[in-house]
């Protein structure tokens, strides 16, 4: 491997690999495999103030077959949620300026208590006042971990909705 960097021009990275001596290997499909519960695409609101992290997260979720809406702050996320009732899950960073992810989750629960919110954090321990029942994903995370959590929360949400549909209203 060779790395060259020049101020004002950027960085070039070269990776030299040996030529293959054997027969060509069969191509490997590296795309994540979808299970039965992931067939229905969900609409996921990603709340992340760091552009690079947001871009990576959006790509992971879209690669799973879901639709994504991006918000770069908690206030923007609240506006989107007010205008769009089709959001299925909110994935929010915890450490954001203005309003953190825990505060955002509290605000969401006031108006949409049924909406699953996933808190993404790089902190081992959240500050006092954080909701321990909030589903949490620790940074760094893998696509499989994110996908499993989204799938689990979506299935839980469907079960809750179905139980409400089946139960007659109390008089």
C-alpha atoms as a PDB file:
ATOM      1  CA  UNK A   1       0.000   0.000   0.000  1.00  0.00           C
ATOM      2  CA  UNK A   2       1.249   3.462  -0.820  1.00  0.00           C
ATOM      3  CA  UNK A   3      -0.229   6.699   0.538  1.00  0.00           C
ATOM      4  CA  UNK A   4       0.722  10.117  -0.804  1.00  0.00           C
ATOM      5  CA  UNK A   5      -0.673  13.378   0.465  1.00  0.00           C
ATOM      6  CA  UNK A   6      -0.019  16.913  -0.722  1.00  0.00           C
ATOM      7  CA  UNK A   7      -1.454  20.016   0.882  1.00  0.00           C
ATOM      8  CA  UNK A   8      -4.044  21.545  -1.406  1.00  0.00           C
ATOM      9  CA  UNK A   9      -4.081  18.544  -3.768  1.00  0.00           C
ATOM     10  CA  UNK A  10      -5.496  15.829  -1.541  1.00  0.00           C
ATOM     11  CA  UNK A  11      -4.480  12.265  -0.789  1.00  0.00           C
ATOM     12  CA  UNK A  12      -3.872   9.319  -3.112  1.00  0.00           C
ATOM     13  CA  UNK A  13      -3.990   5.785  -1.799  1.00  0.00           C
ATOM     14  CA  UNK A  14      -2.722   2.907  -3.936  1.00  0.00           C
ATOM     15  CA  UNK A  15      -3.300  -0.701  -2.968  1.00  0.00           C
ATOM     16  CA  UNK A  16      -1.189  -3.254  -4.804  1.00  0.00           C
ATOM     17  CA  UNK A  17      -2.368  -6.868  -4.757  1.00  0.00           C
ATOM     18  CA  UNK A  18      -0.595  -9.915  -6.208  1.00  0.00           C
ATOM     19  CA  UNK A  19      -1.913 -11.430  -9.419  1.00  0.00           C
ATOM     20  CA  UNK A  20      -3.995 -14.537  -8.910  1.00  0.00           C
ATOM     21  CA  UNK A  21      -2.164 -17.824  -9.496  1.00  0.00           C
ATOM     22  CA  UNK A  22      -5.234 -20.078  -9.359  1.00  0.00           C
ATOM     23  CA  UNK A  23      -8.467 -20.432 -11.273  1.00  0.00           C
ATOM     24  CA  UNK A  24     -10.908 -17.563 -11.219  1.00  0.00           C
ATOM     25  CA  UNK A  25     -13.092 -17.722  -8.156  1.00  0.00           C
ATOM     26  CA  UNK A  26     -16.857 -17.537  -8.514  1.00  0.00           C
ATOM     27  CA  UNK A  27     -18.202 -14.048  -7.816  1.00  0.00           C
ATOM     28  CA  UNK A  28     -19.502 -13.579  -4.292  1.00  0.00           C
ATOM     29  CA  UNK A  29     -22.778 -11.761  -3.646  1.00  0.00           C
ATOM     30  CA  UNK A  30     -21.982  -9.341  -0.808  1.00  0.00           C
ATOM     31  CA  UNK A  31     -25.424  -7.735  -0.703  1.00  0.00           C
ATOM     32  CA  UNK A  32     -27.269  -8.310   2.584  1.00  0.00           C
ATOM     33  CA  UNK A  33     -29.905 -11.017   2.335  1.00  0.00           C
ATOM     34  CA  UNK A  34     -33.428  -9.924   3.180  1.00  0.00           C
ATOM     35  CA  UNK A  35     -35.518 -12.100   5.432  1.00  0.00           C
ATOM     36  CA  UNK A  36     -39.296 -12.494   5.245  1.00  0.00           C
ATOM     37  CA  UNK A  37     -40.039  -9.653   7.655  1.00  0.00           C
ATOM     38  CA  UNK A  38     -37.997  -7.165   5.583  1.00  0.00           C
ATOM     39  CA  UNK A  39     -40.003  -7.542   2.388  1.00  0.00           C
ATOM     40  CA  UNK A  40     -42.219  -4.584   3.175  1.00  0.00           C
ATOM     41  CA  UNK A  41     -40.269  -1.381   2.772  1.00  0.00           C
ATOM     42  CA  UNK A  42     -40.498   0.980   5.712  1.00  0.00           C
ATOM     43  CA  UNK A  43     -40.148   4.739   5.753  1.00  0.00           C
ATOM     44  CA  UNK A  44     -37.330   5.645   8.136  1.00  0.00           C
ATOM     45  CA  UNK A  45     -36.598   9.176   9.347  1.00  0.00           C
ATOM     46  CA  UNK A  46     -32.856   9.537  10.028  1.00  0.00           C
ATOM     47  CA  UNK A  47     -31.938  12.454  12.306  1.00  0.00           C
ATOM     48  CA  UNK A  48     -28.193  13.125  12.168  1.00  0.00           C
ATOM     49  CA  UNK A  49     -26.305  16.437  12.197  1.00  0.00           C
ATOM     50  CA  UNK A  50     -23.050  15.027  10.756  1.00  0.00           C
ATOM     51  CA  UNK A  51     -23.308  14.912   6.942  1.00  0.00           C
ATOM     52  CA  UNK A  52     -20.846  12.023   6.503  1.00  0.00           C
ATOM     53  CA  UNK A  53     -22.506   9.857   9.148  1.00  0.00           C
ATOM     54  CA  UNK A  54     -25.932  10.668   7.713  1.00  0.00           C
ATOM     55  CA  UNK A  55     -24.829   9.697   4.186  1.00  0.00           C
ATOM     56  CA  UNK A  56     -23.498   6.346   5.400  1.00  0.00           C
ATOM     57  CA  UNK A  57     -26.607   5.615   7.458  1.00  0.00           C
ATOM     58  CA  UNK A  58     -28.939   6.514   4.584  1.00  0.00           C
ATOM     59  CA  UNK A  59     -27.001   4.199   2.263  1.00  0.00           C
ATOM     60  CA  UNK A  60     -27.215   1.312   4.758  1.00  0.00           C
ATOM     61  CA  UNK A  61     -30.970   1.711   5.191  1.00  0.00           C
ATOM     62  CA  UNK A  62     -31.667   2.147   1.478  1.00  0.00           C
ATOM     63  CA  UNK A  63     -29.543  -0.937   0.800  1.00  0.00           C
ATOM     64  CA  UNK A  64     -31.936  -2.861   3.064  1.00  0.00           C
ATOM     65  CA  UNK A  65     -34.794  -1.827   0.783  1.00  0.00           C
ATOM     66  CA  UNK A  66     -36.334   0.868   2.966  1.00  0.00           C
ATOM     67  CA  UNK A  67     -37.192   4.457   2.073  1.00  0.00           C
ATOM     68  CA  UNK A  68     -35.324   7.185   3.959  1.00  0.00           C
ATOM     69  CA  UNK A  69     -36.001  10.793   4.847  1.00  0.00           C
ATOM     70  CA  UNK A  70     -33.132  12.816   6.289  1.00  0.00           C
ATOM     71  CA  UNK A  71     -33.236  15.552   8.926  1.00  0.00           C
ATOM     72  CA  UNK A  72     -30.103  17.363  10.049  1.00  0.00           C
ATOM     73  CA  UNK A  73     -31.564  18.474  13.401  1.00  0.00           C
ATOM     74  CA  UNK A  74     -34.242  17.540  15.899  1.00  0.00           C
ATOM     75  CA  UNK A  75     -36.307  20.621  15.019  1.00  0.00           C
ATOM     76  CA  UNK A  76     -36.292  19.700  11.329  1.00  0.00           C
ATOM     77  CA  UNK A  77     -37.294  16.155  12.303  1.00  0.00           C
ATOM     78  CA  UNK A  78     -40.291  17.436  14.282  1.00  0.00           C
ATOM     79  CA  UNK A  79     -41.411  19.487  11.277  1.00  0.00           C
ATOM     80  CA  UNK A  80     -41.111  16.446   9.013  1.00  0.00           C
ATOM     81  CA  UNK A  81     -43.066  14.273  11.468  1.00  0.00           C
ATOM     82  CA  UNK A  82     -45.819  16.869  11.675  1.00  0.00           C
ATOM     83  CA  UNK A  83     -46.146  16.971   7.876  1.00  0.00           C
ATOM     84  CA  UNK A  84     -45.643  13.249   7.197  1.00  0.00           C
ATOM     85  CA  UNK A  85     -47.725  10.634   9.034  1.00  0.00           C
ATOM     86  CA  UNK A  86     -46.195   7.826   6.932  1.00  0.00           C
ATOM     87  CA  UNK A  87     -42.943   7.610   8.917  1.00  0.00           C
ATOM     88  CA  UNK A  88     -42.593   4.091  10.369  1.00  0.00           C
ATOM     89  CA  UNK A  89     -39.423   4.462  12.471  1.00  0.00           C
ATOM     90  CA  UNK A  90     -37.180   7.303  13.632  1.00  0.00           C
ATOM     91  CA  UNK A  91     -33.431   6.715  13.927  1.00  0.00           C
ATOM     92  CA  UNK A  92     -31.809   9.606  15.798  1.00  0.00           C
ATOM     93  CA  UNK A  93     -28.317  10.462  16.901  1.00  0.00           C
ATOM     94  CA  UNK A  94     -28.107  11.317  20.585  1.00  0.00           C
ATOM     95  CA  UNK A  95     -25.443  14.059  20.577  1.00  0.00           C
ATOM     96  CA  UNK A  96     -26.820  16.922  18.518  1.00  0.00           C
ATOM     97  CA  UNK A  97     -26.754  20.667  19.108  1.00  0.00           C
ATOM     98  CA  UNK A  98     -29.957  22.303  20.302  1.00  0.00           C
ATOM     99  CA  UNK A  99     -31.972  19.229  21.183  1.00  0.00           C
ATOM    100  CA  UNK A 100     -30.412  15.821  21.747  1.00  0.00           C
ATOM    101  CA  UNK A 101     -31.882  12.498  20.629  1.00  0.00           C
ATOM    102  CA  UNK A 102     -33.387  11.666  24.026  1.00  0.00           C
ATOM    103  CA  UNK A 103     -35.196  15.007  24.139  1.00  0.00           C
ATOM    104  CA  UNK A 104     -36.399  14.445  20.573  1.00  0.00           C
ATOM    105  CA  UNK A 105     -37.766  11.007  21.500  1.00  0.00           C
ATOM    106  CA  UNK A 106     -39.672  12.565  24.434  1.00  0.00           C
ATOM    107  CA  UNK A 107     -41.218  15.156  22.117  1.00  0.00           C
ATOM    108  CA  UNK A 108     -42.166  12.496  19.563  1.00  0.00           C
ATOM    109  CA  UNK A 109     -43.839  10.347  22.233  1.00  0.00           C
ATOM    110  CA  UNK A 110     -46.087  13.268  23.216  1.00  0.00           C
ATOM    111  CA  UNK A 111     -47.666  13.441  19.769  1.00  0.00           C
ATOM    112  CA  UNK A 112     -46.996   9.970  18.330  1.00  0.00           C
ATOM    113  CA  UNK A 113     -46.515   7.504  21.214  1.00  0.00           C
ATOM    114  CA  UNK A 114     -46.798   4.526  18.860  1.00  0.00           C
ATOM    115  CA  UNK A 115     -43.851   5.597  16.674  1.00  0.00           C
ATOM    116  CA  UNK A 116     -40.669   3.584  17.372  1.00  0.00           C
ATOM    117  CA  UNK A 117     -37.571   5.712  18.003  1.00  0.00           C
ATOM    118  CA  UNK A 118     -34.039   4.270  17.936  1.00  0.00           C
ATOM    119  CA  UNK A 119     -31.349   6.226  19.750  1.00  0.00           C
ATOM    120  CA  UNK A 120     -27.881   6.002  18.179  1.00  0.00           C
ATOM    121  CA  UNK A 121     -24.997   6.916  20.441  1.00  0.00           C
ATOM    122  CA  UNK A 122     -21.269   6.620  20.769  1.00  0.00           C
ATOM    123  CA  UNK A 123     -21.450   7.091  24.540  1.00  0.00           C
ATOM    124  CA  UNK A 124     -21.138   4.083  26.837  1.00  0.00           C
ATOM    125  CA  UNK A 125     -23.461   5.721  29.380  1.00  0.00           C
ATOM    126  CA  UNK A 126     -26.170   8.211  28.588  1.00  0.00           C
ATOM    127  CA  UNK A 127     -26.601  11.245  30.833  1.00  0.00           C
ATOM    128  CA  UNK A 128     -29.105  11.310  33.701  1.00  0.00           C
ATOM    129  CA  UNK A 129     -32.665  11.776  32.505  1.00  0.00           C
ATOM    130  CA  UNK A 130     -32.224   9.513  29.484  1.00  0.00           C
ATOM    131  CA  UNK A 131     -34.981   6.979  28.895  1.00  0.00           C
ATOM    132  CA  UNK A 132     -33.564   3.475  29.501  1.00  0.00           C
ATOM    133  CA  UNK A 133     -36.505   1.892  27.635  1.00  0.00           C
ATOM    134  CA  UNK A 134     -35.560   3.645  24.404  1.00  0.00           C
ATOM    135  CA  UNK A 135     -34.107   1.150  21.884  1.00  0.00           C
ATOM    136  CA  UNK A 136     -30.432   1.986  21.554  1.00  0.00           C
ATOM    137  CA  UNK A 137     -27.825   1.282  18.892  1.00  0.00           C
ATOM    138  CA  UNK A 138     -24.204   1.842  19.874  1.00  0.00           C
ATOM    139  CA  UNK A 139     -21.710   3.368  17.433  1.00  0.00           C
ATOM    140  CA  UNK A 140     -20.044   1.920  15.546  1.00  0.00           C
ATOM    141  CA  UNK A 141     -22.681  -0.527  14.383  1.00  0.00           C
ATOM    142  CA  UNK A 142     -22.998  -2.949  11.490  1.00  0.00           C
ATOM    143  CA  UNK A 143     -25.731  -2.984   8.873  1.00  0.00           C
ATOM    144  CA  UNK A 144     -26.956  -6.322  10.224  1.00  0.00           C
ATOM    145  CA  UNK A 145     -27.407  -4.871  13.736  1.00  0.00           C
ATOM    146  CA  UNK A 146     -29.320  -1.895  12.354  1.00  0.00           C
ATOM    147  CA  UNK A 147     -31.439  -4.130  10.122  1.00  0.00           C
ATOM    148  CA  UNK A 148     -32.257  -6.533  12.952  1.00  0.00           C
ATOM    149  CA  UNK A 149     -33.358  -3.690  15.226  1.00  0.00           C
ATOM    150  CA  UNK A 150     -35.502  -2.072  12.519  1.00  0.00           C
ATOM    151  CA  UNK A 151     -37.084  -5.439  11.717  1.00  0.00           C
ATOM    152  CA  UNK A 152     -37.793  -6.190  15.392  1.00  0.00           C
ATOM    153  CA  UNK A 153     -39.341  -2.786  16.063  1.00  0.00           C
ATOM    154  CA  UNK A 154     -41.457  -2.939  12.904  1.00  0.00           C
ATOM    155  CA  UNK A 155     -42.738  -6.412  13.863  1.00  0.00           C
ATOM    156  CA  UNK A 156     -43.518  -5.215  17.412  1.00  0.00           C
ATOM    157  CA  UNK A 157     -45.375  -2.246  15.958  1.00  0.00           C
ATOM    158  CA  UNK A 158     -47.439  -4.484  13.650  1.00  0.00           C
ATOM    159  CA  UNK A 159     -48.366  -6.729  16.594  1.00  0.00           C
ATOM    160  CA  UNK A 160     -49.496  -3.723  18.648  1.00  0.00           C
ATOM    161  CA  UNK A 161     -51.598  -2.388  15.793  1.00  0.00           C
ATOM    162  CA  UNK A 162     -53.174  -5.805  15.167  1.00  0.00           C
ATOM    163  CA  UNK A 163     -54.027  -6.230  18.859  1.00  0.00           C
ATOM    164  CA  UNK A 164     -55.752  -2.824  18.861  1.00  0.00           C
ATOM    165  CA  UNK A 165     -57.706  -3.758  15.735  1.00  0.00           C
ATOM    166  CA  UNK A 166     -58.870  -7.038  17.293  1.00  0.00           C
ATOM    167  CA  UNK A 167     -59.853  -5.612  20.688  1.00  0.00           C
ATOM    168  CA  UNK A 168     -63.288  -3.945  20.766  1.00  0.00           C
ATOM    169  CA  UNK A 169     -63.316  -0.423  22.131  1.00  0.00           C
ATOM    170  CA  UNK A 170     -64.227  -0.130  25.825  1.00  0.00           C
ATOM    171  CA  UNK A 171     -67.545   1.572  26.473  1.00  0.00           C
END
